[in-house]
Amino acid sequence: MRTALRLLGDDGASMVEYAILASLIAAVCIAIVALIGINVENLFDAANKQL
């Protein structure tokens, strides 16, 4: 199997790996922004209740 991959080249596999890595980074960034948004919303709700 490795010999077949060497003949075909590793460029395709590395592009797929980069795409997977980029999508995972994007998913983590979206999750962090969503969590921060919820925390900020709760902070503003608490401040609004005190007014």
C-alpha atoms as a PDB file:
ATOM      1  CA  MET A   1       0.000   0.000   0.000  1.00  0.00           C
ATOM      2  CA  ARG A   2       2.802   2.416   0.871  1.00  0.00           C
ATOM      3  CA  THR A   3       4.517   1.657  -2.404  1.00  0.00           C
ATOM      4  CA  ALA A   4       1.350   2.587  -4.274  1.00  0.00           C
ATOM      5  CA  LEU A   5       1.122   5.839  -2.284  1.00  0.00           C
ATOM      6  CA  ARG A   6       4.747   6.643  -3.068  1.00  0.00           C
ATOM      7  CA  LEU A   7       4.132   6.125  -6.755  1.00  0.00           C
ATOM      8  CA  LEU A   8       1.087   8.369  -6.655  1.00  0.00           C
ATOM      9  CA  GLY A   9       2.789  10.940  -4.442  1.00  0.00           C
ATOM     10  CA  ASP A  10       1.863  12.193  -0.999  1.00  0.00           C
ATOM     11  CA  ASP A  11       0.571  15.585  -2.109  1.00  0.00           C
ATOM     12  CA  GLY A  12      -3.064  14.493  -2.145  1.00  0.00           C
ATOM     13  CA  ALA A  13      -2.901  12.994   1.317  1.00  0.00           C
ATOM     14  CA  SER A  14      -1.212  16.053   2.762  1.00  0.00           C
ATOM     15  CA  MET A  15      -3.866  18.345   1.258  1.00  0.00           C
ATOM     16  CA  VAL A  16      -6.589  16.229   2.870  1.00  0.00           C
ATOM     17  CA  GLU A  17      -4.761  16.376   6.186  1.00  0.00           C
ATOM     18  CA  TYR A  18      -4.472  20.157   5.942  1.00  0.00           C
ATOM     19  CA  ALA A  19      -8.175  20.428   5.121  1.00  0.00           C
ATOM     20  CA  ILE A  20      -9.101  18.286   8.123  1.00  0.00           C
ATOM     21  CA  LEU A  21      -6.814  20.320  10.364  1.00  0.00           C
ATOM     22  CA  ALA A  22      -8.247  23.600   9.096  1.00  0.00           C
ATOM     23  CA  SER A  23     -11.812  22.380   9.626  1.00  0.00           C
ATOM     24  CA  LEU A  24     -11.016  21.276  13.178  1.00  0.00           C
ATOM     25  CA  ILE A  25      -9.447  24.658  13.951  1.00  0.00           C
ATOM     26  CA  ALA A  26     -12.509  26.397  12.518  1.00  0.00           C
ATOM     27  CA  ALA A  27     -14.842  24.222  14.607  1.00  0.00           C
ATOM     28  CA  VAL A  28     -12.896  25.006  17.780  1.00  0.00           C
ATOM     29  CA  CYS A  29     -12.967  28.743  16.983  1.00  0.00           C
ATOM     30  CA  ILE A  30     -16.727  28.630  16.406  1.00  0.00           C
ATOM     31  CA  ALA A  31     -17.261  26.770  19.679  1.00  0.00           C
ATOM     32  CA  ILE A  32     -15.122  29.260  21.607  1.00  0.00           C
ATOM     33  CA  VAL A  33     -16.934  32.247  20.103  1.00  0.00           C
ATOM     34  CA  ALA A  34     -20.296  30.634  20.902  1.00  0.00           C
ATOM     35  CA  LEU A  35     -19.278  30.031  24.526  1.00  0.00           C
ATOM     36  CA  ILE A  36     -17.921  33.545  24.919  1.00  0.00           C
ATOM     37  CA  GLY A  37     -21.141  34.913  23.421  1.00  0.00           C
ATOM     38  CA  ILE A  38     -23.242  33.022  25.970  1.00  0.00           C
ATOM     39  CA  ASN A  39     -21.051  34.276  28.816  1.00  0.00           C
ATOM     40  CA  VAL A  40     -21.237  37.868  27.593  1.00  0.00           C
ATOM     41  CA  GLU A  41     -25.001  37.597  27.228  1.00  0.00           C
ATOM     42  CA  ASN A  42     -25.284  36.333  30.806  1.00  0.00           C
ATOM     43  CA  LEU A  43     -23.043  39.164  31.989  1.00  0.00           C
ATOM     44  CA  PHE A  44     -25.226  41.782  30.314  1.00  0.00           C
ATOM     45  CA  ASP A  45     -28.394  40.143  31.661  1.00  0.00           C
ATOM     46  CA  ALA A  46     -26.974  40.279  35.192  1.00  0.00           C
ATOM     47  CA  ALA A  47     -25.989  43.932  34.754  1.00  0.00           C
ATOM     48  CA  ASN A  48     -29.434  44.743  33.373  1.00  0.00           C
ATOM     49  CA  LYS A  49     -31.141  43.137  36.367  1.00  0.00           C
ATOM     50  CA  GLN A  50     -29.083  45.287  38.736  1.00  0.00           C
ATOM     51  CA  LEU A  51     -30.208  48.483  37.041  1.00  0.00           C
END
